[in-house]
mmCIF file of all heavy atoms, coordinates in Angstrom:
data_MODEL
# 
_entry.id   MODEL 
# 
loop_
_atom_site.group_PDB 
_atom_site.id 
_atom_site.type_symbol 
_atom_site.label_atom_id 
_atom_site.label_alt_id 
_atom_site.label_comp_id 
_atom_site.label_asym_id 
_atom_site.label_entity_id 
_atom_site.label_seq_id 
_atom_site.pdbx_PDB_ins_code 
_atom_site.Cartn_x 
_atom_site.Cartn_y 
_atom_site.Cartn_z 
_atom_site.occupancy 
_atom_site.B_iso_or_equiv 
_atom_site.pdbx_formal_charge 
_atom_site.auth_seq_id 
_atom_site.auth_comp_id 
_atom_site.auth_asym_id 
_atom_site.auth_atom_id 
_atom_site.pdbx_PDB_model_num 
ATOM 1   N N   . LEU A 1 1  ? 141.352 277.927 -23.100 1.00 0.00 ? 1  LEU A N   1 
ATOM 2   C CA  . LEU A 1 1  ? 141.412 278.011 -24.559 1.00 0.00 ? 1  LEU A CA  1 
ATOM 3   C C   . LEU A 1 1  ? 142.760 278.600 -24.968 1.00 0.00 ? 1  LEU A C   1 
ATOM 4   O O   . LEU A 1 1  ? 143.262 279.557 -24.425 1.00 0.00 ? 1  LEU A O   1 
ATOM 5   C CB  . LEU A 1 1  ? 140.298 278.849 -25.113 1.00 0.00 ? 1  LEU A CB  1 
ATOM 6   C CG  . LEU A 1 1  ? 140.124 278.851 -26.632 1.00 0.00 ? 1  LEU A CG  1 
ATOM 7   C CD1 . LEU A 1 1  ? 139.662 277.474 -27.096 1.00 0.00 ? 1  LEU A CD1 1 
ATOM 8   C CD2 . LEU A 1 1  ? 139.008 279.852 -27.055 1.00 0.00 ? 1  LEU A CD2 1 
ATOM 9   N N   . MET A 1 2  ? 143.402 277.980 -26.019 1.00 0.00 ? 2  MET A N   1 
ATOM 10  C CA  . MET A 1 2  ? 144.689 278.395 -26.524 1.00 0.00 ? 2  MET A CA  1 
ATOM 11  C C   . MET A 1 2  ? 144.447 279.501 -27.576 1.00 0.00 ? 2  MET A C   1 
ATOM 12  O O   . MET A 1 2  ? 143.347 279.573 -28.202 1.00 0.00 ? 2  MET A O   1 
ATOM 13  C CB  . MET A 1 2  ? 145.485 277.295 -27.097 1.00 0.00 ? 2  MET A CB  1 
ATOM 14  C CG  . MET A 1 2  ? 145.737 276.136 -26.157 1.00 0.00 ? 2  MET A CG  1 
ATOM 15  S SD  . MET A 1 2  ? 146.668 274.763 -26.881 1.00 0.00 ? 2  MET A SD  1 
ATOM 16  C CE  . MET A 1 2  ? 148.305 275.489 -26.966 1.00 0.00 ? 2  MET A CE  1 
ATOM 17  N N   . THR A 1 3  ? 145.457 280.363 -27.804 1.00 0.00 ? 3  THR A N   1 
ATOM 18  C CA  . THR A 1 3  ? 145.422 281.402 -28.813 1.00 0.00 ? 3  THR A CA  1 
ATOM 19  C C   . THR A 1 3  ? 145.769 280.698 -30.164 1.00 0.00 ? 3  THR A C   1 
ATOM 20  O O   . THR A 1 3  ? 146.647 279.882 -30.198 1.00 0.00 ? 3  THR A O   1 
ATOM 21  C CB  . THR A 1 3  ? 146.400 282.490 -28.520 1.00 0.00 ? 3  THR A CB  1 
ATOM 22  O OG1 . THR A 1 3  ? 146.077 283.028 -27.188 1.00 0.00 ? 3  THR A OG1 1 
ATOM 23  C CG2 . THR A 1 3  ? 146.285 283.601 -29.543 1.00 0.00 ? 3  THR A CG2 1 
ATOM 24  N N   . ALA A 1 4  ? 145.085 281.062 -31.218 1.00 0.00 ? 4  ALA A N   1 
ATOM 25  C CA  . ALA A 1 4  ? 145.292 280.474 -32.538 1.00 0.00 ? 4  ALA A CA  1 
ATOM 26  C C   . ALA A 1 4  ? 145.594 281.525 -33.568 1.00 0.00 ? 4  ALA A C   1 
ATOM 27  O O   . ALA A 1 4  ? 144.954 282.541 -33.606 1.00 0.00 ? 4  ALA A O   1 
ATOM 28  C CB  . ALA A 1 4  ? 144.109 279.631 -32.960 1.00 0.00 ? 4  ALA A CB  1 
ATOM 29  N N   . ASN A 1 5  ? 146.588 281.232 -34.415 1.00 0.00 ? 5  ASN A N   1 
ATOM 30  C CA  . ASN A 1 5  ? 146.837 282.086 -35.580 1.00 0.00 ? 5  ASN A CA  1 
ATOM 31  C C   . ASN A 1 5  ? 146.169 281.504 -36.805 1.00 0.00 ? 5  ASN A C   1 
ATOM 32  O O   . ASN A 1 5  ? 145.700 280.402 -36.848 1.00 0.00 ? 5  ASN A O   1 
ATOM 33  C CB  . ASN A 1 5  ? 148.406 282.143 -35.846 1.00 0.00 ? 5  ASN A CB  1 
ATOM 34  C CG  . ASN A 1 5  ? 149.117 282.873 -34.702 1.00 0.00 ? 5  ASN A CG  1 
ATOM 35  O OD1 . ASN A 1 5  ? 148.469 283.657 -33.968 1.00 0.00 ? 5  ASN A OD1 1 
ATOM 36  N ND2 . ASN A 1 5  ? 150.398 282.656 -34.567 1.00 0.00 ? 5  ASN A ND2 1 
ATOM 37  N N   . SER A 1 6  ? 146.117 282.328 -37.866 1.00 0.00 ? 6  SER A N   1 
ATOM 38  C CA  . SER A 1 6  ? 145.458 281.933 -39.114 1.00 0.00 ? 6  SER A CA  1 
ATOM 39  C C   . SER A 1 6  ? 146.134 280.807 -39.810 1.00 0.00 ? 6  SER A C   1 
ATOM 40  O O   . SER A 1 6  ? 145.528 280.083 -40.583 1.00 0.00 ? 6  SER A O   1 
ATOM 41  C CB  . SER A 1 6  ? 145.344 283.154 -40.030 1.00 0.00 ? 6  SER A CB  1 
ATOM 42  O OG  . SER A 1 6  ? 146.608 283.664 -40.363 1.00 0.00 ? 6  SER A OG  1 
ATOM 43  N N   . ASP A 1 7  ? 147.472 280.599 -39.517 1.00 0.00 ? 7  ASP A N   1 
ATOM 44  C CA  . ASP A 1 7  ? 148.170 279.440 -40.135 1.00 0.00 ? 7  ASP A CA  1 
ATOM 45  C C   . ASP A 1 7  ? 148.033 278.187 -39.408 1.00 0.00 ? 7  ASP A C   1 
ATOM 46  O O   . ASP A 1 7  ? 148.758 277.213 -39.719 1.00 0.00 ? 7  ASP A O   1 
ATOM 47  C CB  . ASP A 1 7  ? 149.670 279.862 -40.275 1.00 0.00 ? 7  ASP A CB  1 
ATOM 48  C CG  . ASP A 1 7  ? 150.324 280.135 -38.903 1.00 0.00 ? 7  ASP A CG  1 
ATOM 49  O OD1 . ASP A 1 7  ? 149.587 280.065 -37.896 1.00 0.00 ? 7  ASP A OD1 1 
ATOM 50  O OD2 . ASP A 1 7  ? 151.530 280.385 -38.895 1.00 0.00 ? 7  ASP A OD2 1 
ATOM 51  N N   . GLY A 1 8  ? 147.155 278.088 -38.365 1.00 0.00 ? 8  GLY A N   1 
ATOM 52  C CA  . GLY A 1 8  ? 146.952 276.822 -37.610 1.00 0.00 ? 8  GLY A CA  1 
ATOM 53  C C   . GLY A 1 8  ? 147.801 276.681 -36.408 1.00 0.00 ? 8  GLY A C   1 
ATOM 54  O O   . GLY A 1 8  ? 147.756 275.656 -35.732 1.00 0.00 ? 8  GLY A O   1 
ATOM 55  N N   . TRP A 1 9  ? 148.633 277.676 -36.072 1.00 0.00 ? 9  TRP A N   1 
ATOM 56  C CA  . TRP A 1 9  ? 149.540 277.579 -34.891 1.00 0.00 ? 9  TRP A CA  1 
ATOM 57  C C   . TRP A 1 9  ? 148.662 277.975 -33.675 1.00 0.00 ? 9  TRP A C   1 
ATOM 58  O O   . TRP A 1 9  ? 148.240 279.132 -33.546 1.00 0.00 ? 9  TRP A O   1 
ATOM 59  C CB  . TRP A 1 9  ? 150.684 278.526 -35.069 1.00 0.00 ? 9  TRP A CB  1 
ATOM 60  C CG  . TRP A 1 9  ? 151.577 278.641 -33.879 1.00 0.00 ? 9  TRP A CG  1 
ATOM 61  C CD1 . TRP A 1 9  ? 151.720 279.696 -33.033 1.00 0.00 ? 9  TRP A CD1 1 
ATOM 62  C CD2 . TRP A 1 9  ? 152.444 277.648 -33.373 1.00 0.00 ? 9  TRP A CD2 1 
ATOM 63  N NE1 . TRP A 1 9  ? 152.616 279.427 -32.057 1.00 0.00 ? 9  TRP A NE1 1 
ATOM 64  C CE2 . TRP A 1 9  ? 153.085 278.175 -32.180 1.00 0.00 ? 9  TRP A CE2 1 
ATOM 65  C CE3 . TRP A 1 9  ? 152.767 276.348 -33.731 1.00 0.00 ? 9  TRP A CE3 1 
ATOM 66  C CZ2 . TRP A 1 9  ? 153.975 277.459 -31.462 1.00 0.00 ? 9  TRP A CZ2 1 
ATOM 67  C CZ3 . TRP A 1 9  ? 153.697 275.633 -32.981 1.00 0.00 ? 9  TRP A CZ3 1 
ATOM 68  C CH2 . TRP A 1 9  ? 154.300 276.229 -31.883 1.00 0.00 ? 9  TRP A CH2 1 
ATOM 69  N N   . HIS A 1 10 ? 148.515 276.991 -32.768 1.00 0.00 ? 10 HIS A N   1 
ATOM 70  C CA  . HIS A 1 10 ? 147.824 277.205 -31.504 1.00 0.00 ? 10 HIS A CA  1 
ATOM 71  C C   . HIS A 1 10 ? 148.910 277.251 -30.392 1.00 0.00 ? 10 HIS A C   1 
ATOM 72  O O   . HIS A 1 10 ? 149.721 276.361 -30.296 1.00 0.00 ? 10 HIS A O   1 
ATOM 73  C CB  . HIS A 1 10 ? 146.846 276.052 -31.233 1.00 0.00 ? 10 HIS A CB  1 
ATOM 74  C CG  . HIS A 1 10 ? 145.693 276.000 -32.194 1.00 0.00 ? 10 HIS A CG  1 
ATOM 75  N ND1 . HIS A 1 10 ? 144.398 276.324 -31.838 1.00 0.00 ? 10 HIS A ND1 1 
ATOM 76  C CD2 . HIS A 1 10 ? 145.673 275.687 -33.485 1.00 0.00 ? 10 HIS A CD2 1 
ATOM 77  C CE1 . HIS A 1 10 ? 143.612 276.177 -32.890 1.00 0.00 ? 10 HIS A CE1 1 
ATOM 78  N NE2 . HIS A 1 10 ? 144.369 275.766 -33.936 1.00 0.00 ? 10 HIS A NE2 1 
ATOM 79  N N   . TYR A 1 11 ? 148.849 278.287 -29.524 1.00 0.00 ? 11 TYR A N   1 
ATOM 80  C CA  . TYR A 1 11 ? 149.875 278.409 -28.513 1.00 0.00 ? 11 TYR A CA  1 
ATOM 81  C C   . TYR A 1 11 ? 149.336 278.974 -27.185 1.00 0.00 ? 11 TYR A C   1 
ATOM 82  O O   . TYR A 1 11 ? 148.211 279.559 -27.180 1.00 0.00 ? 11 TYR A O   1 
ATOM 83  C CB  . TYR A 1 11 ? 151.025 279.313 -29.044 1.00 0.00 ? 11 TYR A CB  1 
ATOM 84  C CG  . TYR A 1 11 ? 150.593 280.741 -29.282 1.00 0.00 ? 11 TYR A CG  1 
ATOM 85  C CD1 . TYR A 1 11 ? 150.756 281.743 -28.311 1.00 0.00 ? 11 TYR A CD1 1 
ATOM 86  C CD2 . TYR A 1 11 ? 150.032 281.110 -30.468 1.00 0.00 ? 11 TYR A CD2 1 
ATOM 87  C CE1 . TYR A 1 11 ? 150.421 283.027 -28.539 1.00 0.00 ? 11 TYR A CE1 1 
ATOM 88  C CE2 . TYR A 1 11 ? 149.661 282.455 -30.734 1.00 0.00 ? 11 TYR A CE2 1 
ATOM 89  C CZ  . TYR A 1 11 ? 149.814 283.399 -29.752 1.00 0.00 ? 11 TYR A CZ  1 
ATOM 90  O OH  . TYR A 1 11 ? 149.466 284.679 -29.960 1.00 0.00 ? 11 TYR A OH  1 
ATOM 91  N N   . TYR A 1 12 ? 150.147 278.797 -26.174 1.00 0.00 ? 12 TYR A N   1 
ATOM 92  C CA  . TYR A 1 12 ? 149.784 279.337 -24.872 1.00 0.00 ? 12 TYR A CA  1 
ATOM 93  C C   . TYR A 1 12 ? 151.055 279.667 -24.057 1.00 0.00 ? 12 TYR A C   1 
ATOM 94  O O   . TYR A 1 12 ? 152.031 278.886 -24.039 1.00 0.00 ? 12 TYR A O   1 
ATOM 95  C CB  . TYR A 1 12 ? 148.960 278.260 -24.050 1.00 0.00 ? 12 TYR A CB  1 
ATOM 96  C CG  . TYR A 1 12 ? 148.514 278.788 -22.702 1.00 0.00 ? 12 TYR A CG  1 
ATOM 97  C CD1 . TYR A 1 12 ? 147.362 279.603 -22.589 1.00 0.00 ? 12 TYR A CD1 1 
ATOM 98  C CD2 . TYR A 1 12 ? 149.227 278.517 -21.527 1.00 0.00 ? 12 TYR A CD2 1 
ATOM 99  C CE1 . TYR A 1 12 ? 146.954 280.061 -21.362 1.00 0.00 ? 12 TYR A CE1 1 
ATOM 100 C CE2 . TYR A 1 12 ? 148.821 278.988 -20.301 1.00 0.00 ? 12 TYR A CE2 1 
ATOM 101 C CZ  . TYR A 1 12 ? 147.679 279.749 -20.214 1.00 0.00 ? 12 TYR A CZ  1 
ATOM 102 O OH  . TYR A 1 12 ? 147.272 280.256 -18.969 1.00 0.00 ? 12 TYR A OH  1 
ATOM 103 N N   . ASP A 1 13 ? 151.133 280.864 -23.538 1.00 0.00 ? 13 ASP A N   1 
ATOM 104 C CA  . ASP A 1 13 ? 152.286 281.294 -22.770 1.00 0.00 ? 13 ASP A CA  1 
ATOM 105 C C   . ASP A 1 13 ? 152.018 281.211 -21.285 1.00 0.00 ? 13 ASP A C   1 
ATOM 106 O O   . ASP A 1 13 ? 150.972 281.738 -20.789 1.00 0.00 ? 13 ASP A O   1 
ATOM 107 C CB  . ASP A 1 13 ? 152.681 282.733 -23.100 1.00 0.00 ? 13 ASP A CB  1 
ATOM 108 C CG  . ASP A 1 13 ? 153.144 282.892 -24.561 1.00 0.00 ? 13 ASP A CG  1 
ATOM 109 O OD1 . ASP A 1 13 ? 153.720 281.870 -25.036 1.00 0.00 ? 13 ASP A OD1 1 
ATOM 110 O OD2 . ASP A 1 13 ? 152.989 283.924 -25.165 1.00 0.00 ? 13 ASP A OD2 1 
ATOM 111 N N   . TYR A 1 14 ? 152.917 280.572 -20.521 1.00 0.00 ? 14 TYR A N   1 
ATOM 112 C CA  . TYR A 1 14 ? 152.755 280.461 -19.065 1.00 0.00 ? 14 TYR A CA  1 
ATOM 113 C C   . TYR A 1 14 ? 154.110 280.814 -18.433 1.00 0.00 ? 14 TYR A C   1 
ATOM 114 O O   . TYR A 1 14 ? 155.141 280.273 -18.781 1.00 0.00 ? 14 TYR A O   1 
ATOM 115 C CB  . TYR A 1 14 ? 152.315 279.063 -18.679 1.00 0.00 ? 14 TYR A CB  1 
ATOM 116 C CG  . TYR A 1 14 ? 152.262 278.880 -17.153 1.00 0.00 ? 14 TYR A CG  1 
ATOM 117 C CD1 . TYR A 1 14 ? 151.235 279.462 -16.438 1.00 0.00 ? 14 TYR A CD1 1 
ATOM 118 C CD2 . TYR A 1 14 ? 153.228 278.206 -16.463 1.00 0.00 ? 14 TYR A CD2 1 
ATOM 119 C CE1 . TYR A 1 14 ? 151.169 279.273 -15.034 1.00 0.00 ? 14 TYR A CE1 1 
ATOM 120 C CE2 . TYR A 1 14 ? 153.228 278.071 -15.096 1.00 0.00 ? 14 TYR A CE2 1 
ATOM 121 C CZ  . TYR A 1 14 ? 152.157 278.620 -14.392 1.00 0.00 ? 14 TYR A CZ  1 
ATOM 122 O OH  . TYR A 1 14 ? 152.087 278.465 -13.043 1.00 0.00 ? 14 TYR A OH  1 
ATOM 123 N N   . THR A 1 15 ? 154.065 281.768 -17.493 1.00 0.00 ? 15 THR A N   1 
ATOM 124 C CA  . THR A 1 15 ? 155.276 282.162 -16.780 1.00 0.00 ? 15 THR A CA  1 
ATOM 125 C C   . THR A 1 15 ? 155.312 281.591 -15.346 1.00 0.00 ? 15 THR A C   1 
ATOM 126 O O   . THR A 1 15 ? 154.342 281.843 -14.536 1.00 0.00 ? 15 THR A O   1 
ATOM 127 C CB  . THR A 1 15 ? 155.395 283.708 -16.711 1.00 0.00 ? 15 THR A CB  1 
ATOM 128 O OG1 . THR A 1 15 ? 155.361 284.180 -18.001 1.00 0.00 ? 15 THR A OG1 1 
ATOM 129 C CG2 . THR A 1 15 ? 156.692 284.120 -16.020 1.00 0.00 ? 15 THR A CG2 1 
ATOM 130 N N   . THR A 1 16 ? 156.341 280.770 -15.000 1.00 0.00 ? 16 THR A N   1 
ATOM 131 C CA  . THR A 1 16 ? 156.423 280.248 -13.640 1.00 0.00 ? 16 THR A CA  1 
ATOM 132 C C   . THR A 1 16 ? 156.859 281.346 -12.657 1.00 0.00 ? 16 THR A C   1 
ATOM 133 O O   . THR A 1 16 ? 157.587 282.287 -13.012 1.00 0.00 ? 16 THR A O   1 
ATOM 134 C CB  . THR A 1 16 ? 157.464 279.139 -13.610 1.00 0.00 ? 16 THR A CB  1 
ATOM 135 O OG1 . THR A 1 16 ? 158.710 279.657 -14.048 1.00 0.00 ? 16 THR A OG1 1 
ATOM 136 C CG2 . THR A 1 16 ? 157.051 277.963 -14.500 1.00 0.00 ? 16 THR A CG2 1 
ATOM 137 N N   . VAL A 1 17 ? 156.349 281.260 -11.406 1.00 0.00 ? 17 VAL A N   1 
ATOM 138 C CA  . VAL A 1 17 ? 156.721 282.231 -10.402 1.00 0.00 ? 17 VAL A CA  1 
ATOM 139 C C   . VAL A 1 17 ? 158.124 281.951 -9.912  1.00 0.00 ? 17 VAL A C   1 
ATOM 140 O O   . VAL A 1 17 ? 158.710 280.872 -10.141 1.00 0.00 ? 17 VAL A O   1 
ATOM 141 C CB  . VAL A 1 17 ? 155.707 282.190 -9.270  1.00 0.00 ? 17 VAL A CB  1 
ATOM 142 C CG1 . VAL A 1 17 ? 154.346 282.581 -9.716  1.00 0.00 ? 17 VAL A CG1 1 
ATOM 143 C CG2 . VAL A 1 17 ? 155.665 280.782 -8.634  1.00 0.00 ? 17 VAL A CG2 1 
ATOM 144 N N   . GLY A 1 18 ? 158.681 282.895 -9.128  1.00 0.00 ? 18 GLY A N   1 
ATOM 145 C CA  . GLY A 1 18 ? 160.050 282.772 -8.672  1.00 0.00 ? 18 GLY A CA  1 
ATOM 146 C C   . GLY A 1 18 ? 160.340 281.552 -7.793  1.00 0.00 ? 18 GLY A C   1 
ATOM 147 O O   . GLY A 1 18 ? 161.441 280.992 -7.854  1.00 0.00 ? 18 GLY A O   1 
ATOM 148 N N   . ASP A 1 19 ? 159.326 281.152 -7.035  1.00 0.00 ? 19 ASP A N   1 
ATOM 149 C CA  . ASP A 1 19 ? 159.515 279.997 -6.113  1.00 0.00 ? 19 ASP A CA  1 
ATOM 150 C C   . ASP A 1 19 ? 158.818 278.758 -6.634  1.00 0.00 ? 19 ASP A C   1 
ATOM 151 O O   . ASP A 1 19 ? 158.404 277.912 -5.885  1.00 0.00 ? 19 ASP A O   1 
ATOM 152 C CB  . ASP A 1 19 ? 159.031 280.336 -4.714  1.00 0.00 ? 19 ASP A CB  1 
ATOM 153 C CG  . ASP A 1 19 ? 157.578 280.769 -4.668  1.00 0.00 ? 19 ASP A CG  1 
ATOM 154 O OD1 . ASP A 1 19 ? 156.981 280.978 -5.722  1.00 0.00 ? 19 ASP A OD1 1 
ATOM 155 O OD2 . ASP A 1 19 ? 157.032 280.864 -3.550  1.00 0.00 ? 19 ASP A OD2 1 
ATOM 156 N N   . ALA A 1 20 ? 158.632 278.689 -7.947  1.00 0.00 ? 20 ALA A N   1 
ATOM 157 C CA  . ALA A 1 20 ? 157.965 277.521 -8.539  1.00 0.00 ? 20 ALA A CA  1 
ATOM 158 C C   . ALA A 1 20 ? 158.708 276.270 -8.255  1.00 0.00 ? 20 ALA A C   1 
ATOM 159 O O   . ALA A 1 20 ? 159.941 276.229 -8.328  1.00 0.00 ? 20 ALA A O   1 
ATOM 160 C CB  . ALA A 1 20 ? 157.777 277.679 -10.057 1.00 0.00 ? 20 ALA A CB  1 
ATOM 161 N N   . PRO A 1 21 ? 158.082 275.164 -7.914  1.00 0.00 ? 21 PRO A N   1 
ATOM 162 C CA  . PRO A 1 21 ? 158.740 273.846 -7.644  1.00 0.00 ? 21 PRO A CA  1 
ATOM 163 C C   . PRO A 1 21 ? 159.418 273.326 -8.929  1.00 0.00 ? 21 PRO A C   1 
ATOM 164 O O   . PRO A 1 21 ? 158.875 273.409 -9.983  1.00 0.00 ? 21 PRO A O   1 
ATOM 165 C CB  . PRO A 1 21 ? 157.640 272.951 -7.167  1.00 0.00 ? 21 PRO A CB  1 
ATOM 166 C CG  . PRO A 1 21 ? 156.374 273.500 -7.795  1.00 0.00 ? 21 PRO A CG  1 
ATOM 167 C CD  . PRO A 1 21 ? 156.576 275.012 -7.802  1.00 0.00 ? 21 PRO A CD  1 
ATOM 168 N N   . SER A 1 22 ? 160.602 272.780 -8.737  1.00 0.00 ? 22 SER A N   1 
ATOM 169 C CA  . SER A 1 22 ? 161.319 272.199 -9.853  1.00 0.00 ? 22 SER A CA  1 
ATOM 170 C C   . SER A 1 22 ? 160.825 270.759 -10.078 1.00 0.00 ? 22 SER A C   1 
ATOM 171 O O   . SER A 1 22 ? 160.391 270.144 -9.174  1.00 0.00 ? 22 SER A O   1 
ATOM 172 C CB  . SER A 1 22 ? 162.848 272.212 -9.609  1.00 0.00 ? 22 SER A CB  1 
ATOM 173 O OG  . SER A 1 22 ? 163.195 271.445 -8.462  1.00 0.00 ? 22 SER A OG  1 
ATOM 174 N N   . GLY A 1 23 ? 161.030 270.297 -11.338 1.00 0.00 ? 23 GLY A N   1 
ATOM 175 C CA  . GLY A 1 23 ? 160.661 268.896 -11.660 1.00 0.00 ? 23 GLY A CA  1 
ATOM 176 C C   . GLY A 1 23 ? 159.800 268.885 -12.918 1.00 0.00 ? 23 GLY A C   1 
ATOM 177 O O   . GLY A 1 23 ? 159.768 269.815 -13.675 1.00 0.00 ? 23 GLY A O   1 
ATOM 178 N N   . ILE A 1 24 ? 159.004 267.780 -13.100 1.00 0.00 ? 24 ILE A N   1 
ATOM 179 C CA  . ILE A 1 24 ? 158.192 267.636 -14.272 1.00 0.00 ? 24 ILE A CA  1 
ATOM 180 C C   . ILE A 1 24 ? 156.834 268.301 -14.049 1.00 0.00 ? 24 ILE A C   1 
ATOM 181 O O   . ILE A 1 24 ? 156.156 268.075 -13.072 1.00 0.00 ? 24 ILE A O   1 
ATOM 182 C CB  . ILE A 1 24 ? 157.954 266.101 -14.498 1.00 0.00 ? 24 ILE A CB  1 
ATOM 183 C CG1 . ILE A 1 24 ? 159.274 265.377 -14.702 1.00 0.00 ? 24 ILE A CG1 1 
ATOM 184 C CG2 . ILE A 1 24 ? 157.100 265.929 -15.803 1.00 0.00 ? 24 ILE A CG2 1 
ATOM 185 C CD1 . ILE A 1 24 ? 160.124 265.985 -15.840 1.00 0.00 ? 24 ILE A CD1 1 
ATOM 186 N N   . TRP A 1 25 ? 156.481 269.131 -15.024 1.00 0.00 ? 25 TRP A N   1 
ATOM 187 C CA  . TRP A 1 25 ? 155.124 269.803 -14.995 1.00 0.00 ? 25 TRP A CA  1 
ATOM 188 C C   . TRP A 1 25 ? 154.283 269.130 -16.045 1.00 0.00 ? 25 TRP A C   1 
ATOM 189 O O   . TRP A 1 25 ? 154.381 269.408 -17.242 1.00 0.00 ? 25 TRP A O   1 
ATOM 190 C CB  . TRP A 1 25 ? 155.258 271.260 -15.310 1.00 0.00 ? 25 TRP A CB  1 
ATOM 191 C CG  . TRP A 1 25 ? 155.920 272.042 -14.194 1.00 0.00 ? 25 TRP A CG  1 
ATOM 192 C CD1 . TRP A 1 25 ? 157.101 271.808 -13.614 1.00 0.00 ? 25 TRP A CD1 1 
ATOM 193 C CD2 . TRP A 1 25 ? 155.359 273.216 -13.561 1.00 0.00 ? 25 TRP A CD2 1 
ATOM 194 N NE1 . TRP A 1 25 ? 157.361 272.792 -12.610 1.00 0.00 ? 25 TRP A NE1 1 
ATOM 195 C CE2 . TRP A 1 25 ? 156.301 273.617 -12.579 1.00 0.00 ? 25 TRP A CE2 1 
ATOM 196 C CE3 . TRP A 1 25 ? 154.195 273.962 -13.718 1.00 0.00 ? 25 TRP A CE3 1 
ATOM 197 C CZ2 . TRP A 1 25 ? 156.112 274.739 -11.741 1.00 0.00 ? 25 TRP A CZ2 1 
ATOM 198 C CZ3 . TRP A 1 25 ? 154.007 275.082 -12.868 1.00 0.00 ? 25 TRP A CZ3 1 
ATOM 199 C CH2 . TRP A 1 25 ? 154.918 275.436 -11.943 1.00 0.00 ? 25 TRP A CH2 1 
ATOM 200 N N   . PRO A 1 26 ? 153.423 268.098 -15.654 1.00 0.00 ? 26 PRO A N   1 
ATOM 201 C CA  . PRO A 1 26 ? 152.572 267.418 -16.633 1.00 0.00 ? 26 PRO A CA  1 
ATOM 202 C C   . PRO A 1 26 ? 151.648 268.401 -17.325 1.00 0.00 ? 26 PRO A C   1 
ATOM 203 O O   . PRO A 1 26 ? 150.906 269.142 -16.673 1.00 0.00 ? 26 PRO A O   1 
ATOM 204 C CB  . PRO A 1 26 ? 151.810 266.415 -15.795 1.00 0.00 ? 26 PRO A CB  1 
ATOM 205 C CG  . PRO A 1 26 ? 152.623 266.259 -14.531 1.00 0.00 ? 26 PRO A CG  1 
ATOM 206 C CD  . PRO A 1 26 ? 153.240 267.599 -14.280 1.00 0.00 ? 26 PRO A CD  1 
ATOM 207 N N   . SER A 1 27 ? 151.648 268.447 -18.650 1.00 0.00 ? 27 SER A N   1 
ATOM 208 C CA  . SER A 1 27 ? 150.809 269.357 -19.390 1.00 0.00 ? 27 SER A CA  1 
ATOM 209 C C   . SER A 1 27 ? 150.234 268.600 -20.597 1.00 0.00 ? 27 SER A C   1 
ATOM 210 O O   . SER A 1 27 ? 150.877 267.685 -21.151 1.00 0.00 ? 27 SER A O   1 
ATOM 211 C CB  . SER A 1 27 ? 151.621 270.546 -19.935 1.00 0.00 ? 27 SER A CB  1 
ATOM 212 O OG  . SER A 1 27 ? 152.270 271.214 -18.811 1.00 0.00 ? 27 SER A OG  1 
ATOM 213 N N   . ILE A 1 28 ? 149.039 268.991 -21.001 1.00 0.00 ? 28 ILE A N   1 
ATOM 214 C CA  . ILE A 1 28 ? 148.345 268.279 -22.089 1.00 0.00 ? 28 ILE A CA  1 
ATOM 215 C C   . ILE A 1 28 ? 147.626 269.295 -22.951 1.00 0.00 ? 28 ILE A C   1 
ATOM 216 O O   . ILE A 1 28 ? 147.011 270.271 -22.410 1.00 0.00 ? 28 ILE A O   1 
ATOM 217 C CB  . ILE A 1 28 ? 147.397 267.219 -21.502 1.00 0.00 ? 28 ILE A CB  1 
ATOM 218 C CG1 . ILE A 1 28 ? 146.882 266.296 -22.621 1.00 0.00 ? 28 ILE A CG1 1 
ATOM 219 C CG2 . ILE A 1 28 ? 146.284 267.820 -20.681 1.00 0.00 ? 28 ILE A CG2 1 
ATOM 220 C CD1 . ILE A 1 28 ? 146.175 265.079 -22.099 1.00 0.00 ? 28 ILE A CD1 1 
# 
């Protein structure tokens, strides 16, 4: 579930690890 503000802004913060693979990260 994403975090939602009262103005309709839904957001999610994700921090990649130091050895995260480079390239396209498919997200939906």
